[in-house]
PDB file of N, CA and C in Angstrom:
ATOM      1  N   MET A   1     -28.910  75.716  21.903  1.00  0.00           N
ATOM      2  CA  MET A   1     -30.075  74.982  21.446  1.00  0.00           C
ATOM      3  C   MET A   1     -30.674  74.138  22.568  1.00  0.00           C
ATOM      4  N   ALA A   2     -29.812  73.539  23.382  1.00  0.00           N
ATOM      5  CA  ALA A   2     -30.300  72.725  24.495  1.00  0.00           C
ATOM      6  C   ALA A   2     -31.035  73.583  25.515  1.00  0.00           C
ATOM      7  N   ALA A   3     -30.545  74.810  25.735  1.00  0.00           N
ATOM      8  CA  ALA A   3     -31.202  75.710  26.689  1.00  0.00           C
ATOM      9  C   ALA A   3     -32.584  76.103  26.186  1.00  0.00           C
ATOM     10  N   ALA A   4     -32.701  76.353  24.888  1.00  0.00           N
ATOM     11  CA  ALA A   4     -34.002  76.714  24.320  1.00  0.00           C
ATOM     12  C   ALA A   4     -34.984  75.552  24.434  1.00  0.00           C
ATOM     13  N   SER A   5     -34.507  74.351  24.192  1.00  0.00           N
ATOM     14  CA  SER A   5     -35.370  73.172  24.329  1.00  0.00           C
ATOM     15  C   SER A   5     -35.816  72.988  25.771  1.00  0.00           C
ATOM     16  N   PHE A   6     -34.902  73.199  26.704  1.00  0.00           N
ATOM     17  CA  PHE A   6     -35.236  73.079  28.124  1.00  0.00           C
ATOM     18  C   PHE A   6     -36.290  74.114  28.519  1.00  0.00           C
ATOM     19  N   LEU A   7     -36.097  75.364  28.093  1.00  0.00           N
ATOM     20  CA  LEU A   7     -37.067  76.417  28.408  1.00  0.00           C
ATOM     21  C   LEU A   7     -38.429  76.124  27.786  1.00  0.00           C
ATOM     22  N   PHE A   8     -38.425  75.591  26.578  1.00  0.00           N
ATOM     23  CA  PHE A   8     -39.675  75.223  25.910  1.00  0.00           C
ATOM     24  C   PHE A   8     -40.414  74.161  26.723  1.00  0.00           C
ATOM     25  N   LEU A   9     -39.691  73.158  27.193  1.00  0.00           N
ATOM     26  CA  LEU A   9     -40.308  72.111  28.015  1.00  0.00           C
ATOM     27  C   LEU A   9     -40.821  72.665  29.341  1.00  0.00           C
ATOM     28  N   VAL A  10     -40.060  73.552  29.950  1.00  0.00           N
ATOM     29  CA  VAL A  10     -40.465  74.125  31.237  1.00  0.00           C
ATOM     30  C   VAL A  10     -41.733  74.953  31.092  1.00  0.00           C
ATOM     31  N   ILE A  11     -41.792  75.849  30.107  1.00  0.00           N
ATOM     32  CA  ILE A  11     -42.976  76.701  29.963  1.00  0.00           C
ATOM     33  C   ILE A  11     -44.202  75.861  29.614  1.00  0.00           C
ATOM     34  N   ASN A  12     -44.018  74.796  28.854  1.00  0.00           N
ATOM     35  CA  ASN A  12     -45.154  73.931  28.549  1.00  0.00           C
ATOM     36  C   ASN A  12     -45.609  73.151  29.773  1.00  0.00           C
ATOM     37  N   ALA A  13     -44.674  72.714  30.603  1.00  0.00           N
ATOM     38  CA  ALA A  13     -45.042  72.027  31.848  1.00  0.00           C
ATOM     39  C   ALA A  13     -45.780  72.973  32.788  1.00  0.00           C
ATOM     40  N   VAL A  14     -45.314  74.211  32.885  1.00  0.00           N
ATOM     41  CA  VAL A  14     -45.983  75.213  33.723  1.00  0.00           C
ATOM     42  C   VAL A  14     -47.387  75.491  33.189  1.00  0.00           C
ATOM     43  N   THR A  15     -47.520  75.580  31.874  1.00  0.00           N
ATOM     44  CA  THR A  15     -48.823  75.838  31.265  1.00  0.00           C
ATOM     45  C   THR A  15     -49.795  74.702  31.557  1.00  0.00           C
ATOM     46  N   VAL A  16     -49.353  73.467  31.385  1.00  0.00           N
ATOM     47  CA  VAL A  16     -50.214  72.310  31.674  1.00  0.00           C
ATOM     48  C   VAL A  16     -50.616  72.313  33.145  1.00  0.00           C
ATOM     49  N   ALA A  17     -49.666  72.589  34.023  1.00  0.00           N
ATOM     50  CA  ALA A  17     -49.969  72.625  35.458  1.00  0.00           C
ATOM     51  C   ALA A  17     -50.982  73.720  35.782  1.00  0.00           C
ATOM     52  N   ALA A  18     -50.860  74.868  35.130  1.00  0.00           N
ATOM     53  CA  ALA A  18     -51.802  75.962  35.371  1.00  0.00           C
ATOM     54  C   ALA A  18     -53.210  75.587  34.922  1.00  0.00           C
ATOM     55  N   PHE A  19     -53.327  74.950  33.763  1.00  0.00           N
ATOM     56  CA  PHE A  19     -54.642  74.508  33.288  1.00  0.00           C
ATOM     57  C   PHE A  19     -55.227  73.459  34.226  1.00  0.00           C
ATOM     58  N   ALA A  20     -54.392  72.526  34.689  1.00  0.00           N
ATOM     59  CA  ALA A  20     -54.874  71.484  35.605  1.00  0.00           C
ATOM     60  C   ALA A  20     -55.349  72.098  36.917  1.00  0.00           C
ATOM     61  N   LEU A  21     -54.585  73.033  37.449  1.00  0.00           N
ATOM     62  CA  LEU A  21     -54.961  73.692  38.696  1.00  0.00           C
ATOM     63  C   LEU A  21     -56.252  74.487  38.524  1.00  0.00           C
ATOM     64  N   ASP A  22     -56.371  75.199  37.406  1.00  0.00           N
ATOM     65  CA  ASP A  22     -57.582  75.980  37.163  1.00  0.00           C
ATOM     66  C   ASP A  22     -58.801  75.073  37.033  1.00  0.00           C
ATOM     67  N   LYS A  23     -58.639  73.942  36.377  1.00  0.00           N
ATOM     68  CA  LYS A  23     -59.748  72.985  36.257  1.00  0.00           C
ATOM     69  C   LYS A  23     -60.152  72.465  37.634  1.00  0.00           C
ATOM     70  N   ARG A  24     -59.172  72.085  38.438  1.00  0.00           N
ATOM     71  CA  ARG A  24     -59.464  71.580  39.783  1.00  0.00           C
ATOM     72  C   ARG A  24     -60.188  72.642  40.606  1.00  0.00           C
ATOM     73  N   ARG A  25     -59.720  73.878  40.514  1.00  0.00           N
ATOM     74  CA  ARG A  25     -60.359  74.954  41.270  1.00  0.00           C
ATOM     75  C   ARG A  25     -61.760  75.248  40.750  1.00  0.00           C
ATOM     76  N   SER A  26     -61.976  75.107  39.453  1.00  0.00           N
ATOM     77  CA  SER A  26     -63.312  75.366  38.907  1.00  0.00           C
ATOM     78  C   SER A  26     -64.321  74.350  39.422  1.00  0.00           C
ATOM     79  N   LEU A  27     -63.887  73.124  39.609  1.00  0.00           N
ATOM     80  CA  LEU A  27     -64.784  72.088  40.123  1.00  0.00           C
ATOM     81  C   LEU A  27     -65.101  72.295  41.598  1.00  0.00           C
ATOM     82  N   GLY A  28     -64.155  72.878  42.324  1.00  0.00           N
ATOM     83  CA  GLY A  28     -64.346  73.080  43.757  1.00  0.00           C
ATOM     84  C   GLY A  28     -64.906  74.443  44.121  1.00  0.00           C
ATOM     85  N   GLY A  29     -65.101  75.297  43.125  1.00  0.00           N
ATOM     86  CA  GLY A  29     -65.634  76.626  43.386  1.00  0.00           C
ATOM     87  C   GLY A  29     -64.645  77.564  44.054  1.00  0.00           C
ATOM     88  N   ALA A  30     -63.362  77.274  43.941  1.00  0.00           N
ATOM     89  CA  ALA A  30     -62.325  78.094  44.574  1.00  0.00           C
ATOM     90  C   ALA A  30     -61.862  79.201  43.629  1.00  0.00           C
ATOM     91  N   TRP A  31     -60.930  80.018  44.134  1.00  0.00           N
ATOM     92  CA  TRP A  31     -60.341  81.090  43.347  1.00  0.00           C
ATOM     93  C   TRP A  31     -59.688  80.508  42.099  1.00  0.00           C
ATOM     94  N   ARG A  32     -59.904  81.170  40.956  1.00  0.00           N
ATOM     95  CA  ARG A  32     -59.430  80.655  39.664  1.00  0.00           C
ATOM     96  C   ARG A  32     -58.206  81.408  39.168  1.00  0.00           C
ATOM     97  N   ILE A  33     -57.498  80.787  38.255  1.00  0.00           N
ATOM     98  CA  ILE A  33     -56.388  81.442  37.564  1.00  0.00           C
ATOM     99  C   ILE A  33     -57.001  82.292  36.454  1.00  0.00           C
ATOM    100  N   PRO A  34     -56.644  83.576  36.381  1.00  0.00           N
ATOM    101  CA  PRO A  34     -57.235  84.435  35.346  1.00  0.00           C
ATOM    102  C   PRO A  34     -56.917  83.924  33.933  1.00  0.00           C
ATOM    103  N   GLU A  35     -57.884  84.080  33.031  1.00  0.00           N
ATOM    104  CA  GLU A  35     -57.667  83.662  31.642  1.00  0.00           C
ATOM    105  C   GLU A  35     -56.473  84.379  31.039  1.00  0.00           C
ATOM    106  N   SER A  36     -56.288  85.637  31.405  1.00  0.00           N
ATOM    107  CA  SER A  36     -55.158  86.391  30.856  1.00  0.00           C
ATOM    108  C   SER A  36     -53.826  85.733  31.217  1.00  0.00           C
ATOM    109  N   ARG A  37     -53.737  85.170  32.408  1.00  0.00           N
ATOM    110  CA  ARG A  37     -52.496  84.496  32.809  1.00  0.00           C
ATOM    111  C   ARG A  37     -52.304  83.207  32.006  1.00  0.00           C
ATOM    112  N   LEU A  38     -53.378  82.458  31.798  1.00  0.00           N
ATOM    113  CA  LEU A  38     -53.281  81.241  30.984  1.00  0.00           C
ATOM    114  C   LEU A  38     -52.846  81.586  29.560  1.00  0.00           C
ATOM    115  N   LEU A  39     -53.380  82.679  29.023  1.00  0.00           N
ATOM    116  CA  LEU A  39     -52.997  83.097  27.673  1.00  0.00           C
ATOM    117  C   LEU A  39     -51.547  83.573  27.629  1.00  0.00           C
ATOM    118  N   TRP A  40     -51.069  84.216  28.690  1.00  0.00           N
ATOM    119  CA  TRP A  40     -49.670  84.630  28.731  1.00  0.00           C
ATOM    120  C   TRP A  40     -48.738  83.429  28.738  1.00  0.00           C
ATOM    121  N   PHE A  41     -49.104  82.403  29.490  1.00  0.00           N
ATOM    122  CA  PHE A  41     -48.293  81.187  29.470  1.00  0.00           C
ATOM    123  C   PHE A  41     -48.213  80.631  28.046  1.00  0.00           C
ATOM    124  N   ALA A  42     -49.338  80.620  27.349  1.00  0.00           N
ATOM    125  CA  ALA A  42     -49.360  80.142  25.964  1.00  0.00           C
ATOM    126  C   ALA A  42     -48.507  81.039  25.073  1.00  0.00           C
ATOM    127  N   ALA A  43     -48.626  82.344  25.251  1.00  0.00           N
ATOM    128  CA  ALA A  43     -47.879  83.286  24.418  1.00  0.00           C
ATOM    129  C   ALA A  43     -46.374  83.197  24.646  1.00  0.00           C
ATOM    130  N   LEU A  44     -45.972  82.811  25.827  1.00  0.00           N
ATOM    131  CA  LEU A  44     -44.542  82.678  26.127  1.00  0.00           C
ATOM    132  C   LEU A  44     -43.942  81.387  25.572  1.00  0.00           C
ATOM    133  N   GLY A  45     -44.741  80.617  24.860  1.00  0.00           N
ATOM    134  CA  GLY A  45     -44.245  79.384  24.244  1.00  0.00           C
ATOM    135  C   GLY A  45     -44.984  78.144  24.688  1.00  0.00           C
ATOM    136  N   GLY A  46     -45.953  78.303  25.563  1.00  0.00           N
ATOM    137  CA  GLY A  46     -46.670  77.154  26.099  1.00  0.00           C
ATOM    138  C   GLY A  46     -47.932  76.780  25.350  1.00  0.00           C
ATOM    139  N   SER A  47     -48.081  77.250  24.125  1.00  0.00           N
ATOM    140  CA  SER A  47     -49.315  76.930  23.389  1.00  0.00           C
ATOM    141  C   SER A  47     -49.481  75.432  23.119  1.00  0.00           C
ATOM    142  N   PRO A  48     -48.425  74.665  22.812  1.00  0.00           N
ATOM    143  CA  PRO A  48     -48.651  73.217  22.672  1.00  0.00           C
ATOM    144  C   PRO A  48     -49.190  72.598  23.966  1.00  0.00           C
ATOM    145  N   GLY A  49     -48.638  73.012  25.090  1.00  0.00           N
ATOM    146  CA  GLY A  49     -49.119  72.520  26.375  1.00  0.00           C
ATOM    147  C   GLY A  49     -50.545  72.957  26.654  1.00  0.00           C
ATOM    148  N   ALA A  50     -50.882  74.175  26.246  1.00  0.00           N
ATOM    149  CA  ALA A  50     -52.240  74.681  26.454  1.00  0.00           C
ATOM    150  C   ALA A  50     -53.250  73.869  25.652  1.00  0.00           C
ATOM    151  N   PHE A  51     -52.937  73.594  24.392  1.00  0.00           N
ATOM    152  CA  PHE A  51     -53.860  72.802  23.573  1.00  0.00           C
ATOM    153  C   PHE A  51     -53.995  71.379  24.121  1.00  0.00           C
ATOM    154  N   TRP A  52     -52.885  70.803  24.541  1.00  0.00           N
ATOM    155  CA  TRP A  52     -52.937  69.453  25.102  1.00  0.00           C
ATOM    156  C   TRP A  52     -53.756  69.441  26.391  1.00  0.00           C
ATOM    157  N   ALA A  53     -53.507  70.414  27.268  1.00  0.00           N
ATOM    158  CA  ALA A  53     -54.211  70.469  28.555  1.00  0.00           C
ATOM    159  C   ALA A  53     -55.705  70.715  28.367  1.00  0.00           C
ATOM    160  N   ARG A  54     -56.072  71.563  27.408  1.00  0.00           N
ATOM    161  CA  ARG A  54     -57.494  71.806  27.150  1.00  0.00           C
ATOM    162  C   ARG A  54     -58.193  70.502  26.805  1.00  0.00           C
ATOM    163  N   ARG A  55     -57.543  69.710  25.995  1.00  0.00           N
ATOM    164  CA  ARG A  55     -58.155  68.444  25.587  1.00  0.00           C
ATOM    165  C   ARG A  55     -58.107  67.405  26.711  1.00  0.00           C
ATOM    166  N   ARG A  56     -56.993  67.304  27.386  1.00  0.00           N
ATOM    167  CA  ARG A  56     -56.807  66.306  28.443  1.00  0.00           C
ATOM    168  C   ARG A  56     -57.750  66.531  29.616  1.00  0.00           C
ATOM    169  N   PHE A  57     -57.897  67.799  30.020  1.00  0.00           N
ATOM    170  CA  PHE A  57     -58.712  68.116  31.190  1.00  0.00           C
ATOM    171  C   PHE A  57     -60.121  68.583  30.832  1.00  0.00           C
ATOM    172  N   ARG A  58     -60.426  68.625  29.531  1.00  0.00           N
ATOM    173  CA  ARG A  58     -61.717  69.144  29.054  1.00  0.00           C
ATOM    174  C   ARG A  58     -62.016  70.492  29.708  1.00  0.00           C
ATOM    175  N   HIS A  59     -61.076  71.401  29.534  1.00  0.00           N
ATOM    176  CA  HIS A  59     -61.158  72.693  30.210  1.00  0.00           C
ATOM    177  C   HIS A  59     -61.001  73.820  29.205  1.00  0.00           C
ATOM    178  N   LYS A  60     -61.918  74.752  29.242  1.00  0.00           N
ATOM    179  CA  LYS A  60     -61.912  75.922  28.365  1.00  0.00           C
ATOM    180  C   LYS A  60     -61.953  75.512  26.896  1.00  0.00           C
ATOM    181  N   THR A  61     -62.767  74.534  26.584  1.00  0.00           N
ATOM    182  CA  THR A  61     -62.836  74.039  25.209  1.00  0.00           C
ATOM    183  C   THR A  61     -63.837  74.805  24.355  1.00  0.00           C
ATOM    184  N   ARG A  62     -64.822  75.445  24.972  1.00  0.00           N
ATOM    185  CA  ARG A  62     -65.832  76.163  24.198  1.00  0.00           C
ATOM    186  C   ARG A  62     -65.925  77.638  24.554  1.00  0.00           C
ATOM    187  N   LYS A  63     -65.152  78.084  25.502  1.00  0.00           N
ATOM    188  CA  LYS A  63     -65.284  79.445  26.000  1.00  0.00           C
ATOM    189  C   LYS A  63     -64.664  80.448  25.031  1.00  0.00           C
ATOM    190  N   GLN A  64     -65.508  81.300  24.486  1.00  0.00           N
ATOM    191  CA  GLN A  64     -65.041  82.385  23.632  1.00  0.00           C
ATOM    192  C   GLN A  64     -64.988  83.645  24.481  1.00  0.00           C
ATOM    193  N   PRO A  65     -64.098  84.563  24.275  1.00  0.00           N
ATOM    194  CA  PRO A  65     -63.102  84.631  23.208  1.00  0.00           C
ATOM    195  C   PRO A  65     -61.787  83.910  23.535  1.00  0.00           C
ATOM    196  N   PHE A  66     -61.736  83.180  24.639  1.00  0.00           N
ATOM    197  CA  PHE A  66     -60.504  82.499  25.039  1.00  0.00           C
ATOM    198  C   PHE A  66     -59.990  81.582  23.936  1.00  0.00           C
ATOM    199  N   VAL A  67     -60.865  80.774  23.362  1.00  0.00           N
ATOM    200  CA  VAL A  67     -60.449  79.811  22.332  1.00  0.00           C
ATOM    201  C   VAL A  67     -59.860  80.539  21.130  1.00  0.00           C
ATOM    202  N   GLY A  68     -60.510  81.591  20.682  1.00  0.00           N
ATOM    203  CA  GLY A  68     -60.015  82.356  19.538  1.00  0.00           C
ATOM    204  C   GLY A  68     -58.673  83.008  19.810  1.00  0.00           C
ATOM    205  N   ARG A  69     -58.513  83.524  21.002  1.00  0.00           N
ATOM    206  CA  ARG A  69     -57.235  84.155  21.359  1.00  0.00           C
ATOM    207  C   ARG A  69     -56.112  83.126  21.423  1.00  0.00           C
ATOM    208  N   LEU A  70     -56.401  81.966  21.975  1.00  0.00           N
ATOM    209  CA  LEU A  70     -55.389  80.909  22.033  1.00  0.00           C
ATOM    210  C   LEU A  70     -55.013  80.447  20.625  1.00  0.00           C
ATOM    211  N   GLN A  71     -55.994  80.316  19.758  1.00  0.00           N
ATOM    212  CA  GLN A  71     -55.710  79.923  18.376  1.00  0.00           C
ATOM    213  C   GLN A  71     -54.871  80.982  17.669  1.00  0.00           C
ATOM    214  N   MET A  72     -55.155  82.259  17.920  1.00  0.00           N
ATOM    215  CA  MET A  72     -54.380  83.334  17.296  1.00  0.00           C
ATOM    216  C   MET A  72     -52.932  83.313  17.788  1.00  0.00           C
ATOM    217  N   ILE A  73     -52.739  83.067  19.058  1.00  0.00           N
ATOM    218  CA  ILE A  73     -51.380  82.958  19.602  1.00  0.00           C
ATOM    219  C   ILE A  73     -50.628  81.835  18.894  1.00  0.00           C
ATOM    220  N   ALA A  74     -51.276  80.697  18.714  1.00  0.00           N
ATOM    221  CA  ALA A  74     -50.628  79.556  18.057  1.00  0.00           C
ATOM    222  C   ALA A  74     -50.296  79.874  16.602  1.00  0.00           C
ATOM    223  N   ILE A  75     -51.190  80.551  15.907  1.00  0.00           N
ATOM    224  CA  ILE A  75     -50.940  80.911  14.506  1.00  0.00           C
ATOM    225  C   ILE A  75     -49.731  81.835  14.399  1.00  0.00           C
ATOM    226  N   VAL A  76     -49.663  82.829  15.272  1.00  0.00           N
ATOM    227  CA  VAL A  76     -48.522  83.748  15.263  1.00  0.00           C
ATOM    228  C   VAL A  76     -47.229  82.992  15.567  1.00  0.00           C
ATOM    229  N   GLN A  77     -47.263  82.096  16.545  1.00  0.00           N
ATOM    230  CA  GLN A  77     -46.061  81.334  16.889  1.00  0.00           C
ATOM    231  C   GLN A  77     -45.615  80.439  15.735  1.00  0.00           C
ATOM    232  N   ILE A  78     -46.552  79.816  15.058  1.00  0.00           N
ATOM    233  CA  ILE A  78     -46.204  78.986  13.900  1.00  0.00           C
ATOM    234  C   ILE A  78     -45.566  79.844  12.817  1.00  0.00           C
ATOM    235  N   GLY A  79     -46.115  81.036  12.601  1.00  0.00           N
ATOM    236  CA  GLY A  79     -45.543  81.953  11.618  1.00  0.00           C
ATOM    237  C   GLY A  79     -44.130  82.380  11.975  1.00  0.00           C
ATOM    238  N   VAL A  80     -43.897  82.663  13.235  1.00  0.00           N
ATOM    239  CA  VAL A  80     -42.559  83.064  13.687  1.00  0.00           C
ATOM    240  C   VAL A  80     -41.567  81.920  13.499  1.00  0.00           C
ATOM    241  N   VAL A  81     -41.952  80.729  13.902  1.00  0.00           N
ATOM    242  CA  VAL A  81     -41.060  79.570  13.745  1.00  0.00           C
ATOM    243  C   VAL A  81     -40.783  79.308  12.266  1.00  0.00           C
ATOM    244  N   ALA A  82     -41.813  79.369  11.434  1.00  0.00           N
ATOM    245  CA  ALA A  82     -41.619  79.159   9.994  1.00  0.00           C
ATOM    246  C   ALA A  82     -40.689  80.223   9.418  1.00  0.00           C
ATOM    247  N   GLY A  83     -40.864  81.462   9.842  1.00  0.00           N
ATOM    248  CA  GLY A  83     -39.992  82.534   9.375  1.00  0.00           C
ATOM    249  C   GLY A  83     -38.549  82.326   9.792  1.00  0.00           C
ATOM    250  N   LEU A  84     -38.343  81.899  11.023  1.00  0.00           N
ATOM    251  CA  LEU A  84     -36.979  81.641  11.496  1.00  0.00           C
ATOM    252  C   LEU A  84     -36.336  80.476  10.753  1.00  0.00           C
ATOM    253  N   VAL A  85     -37.100  79.428  10.534  1.00  0.00           N
ATOM    254  CA  VAL A  85     -36.573  78.278   9.788  1.00  0.00           C
ATOM    255  C   VAL A  85     -36.199  78.705   8.377  1.00  0.00           C
ATOM    256  N   PHE A  86     -37.055  79.469   7.740  1.00  0.00           N
ATOM    257  CA  PHE A  86     -36.790  79.928   6.378  1.00  0.00           C
ATOM    258  C   PHE A  86     -35.574  80.857   6.346  1.00  0.00           C
ATOM    259  N   ALA A  87     -35.495  81.767   7.316  1.00  0.00           N
ATOM    260  CA  ALA A  87     -34.394  82.734   7.340  1.00  0.00           C
ATOM    261  C   ALA A  87     -33.043  82.059   7.560  1.00  0.00           C
ATOM    262  N   PHE A  88     -33.012  81.053   8.403  1.00  0.00           N
ATOM    263  CA  PHE A  88     -31.738  80.404   8.707  1.00  0.00           C
ATOM    264  C   PHE A  88     -31.430  79.223   7.788  1.00  0.00           C
ATOM    265  N   ALA A  89     -32.391  78.829   6.967  1.00  0.00           N
ATOM    266  CA  ALA A  89     -32.163  77.713   6.050  1.00  0.00           C
ATOM    267  C   ALA A  89     -31.386  78.153   4.815  1.00  0.00           C
ATOM    268  N   PHE A  90     -31.404  79.450   4.530  1.00  0.00           N
ATOM    269  CA  PHE A  90     -30.745  79.926   3.308  1.00  0.00           C
ATOM    270  C   PHE A  90     -29.667  80.908   3.601  1.00  0.00           C
TER     271      PHE A  90
END
């Protein structure tokens, strides 16, 4: 359980760092982090970090279809967690 918590924190920290770096690069006109990579970080468990970073850095807040895809990833993750909690609770 401790290892899973550690991995969860690490992937969320990496996700926040990726959003921060992409925001900084967008302001400077430099090479950007692909949206697909940001979504993969979220899909690997970094969706809480992605939502926090979007709000904190005001980055990718209105861009479709990115927003919809990120929301879908979060919905699926919530469903998986709820299913696991239900399965192991009984």
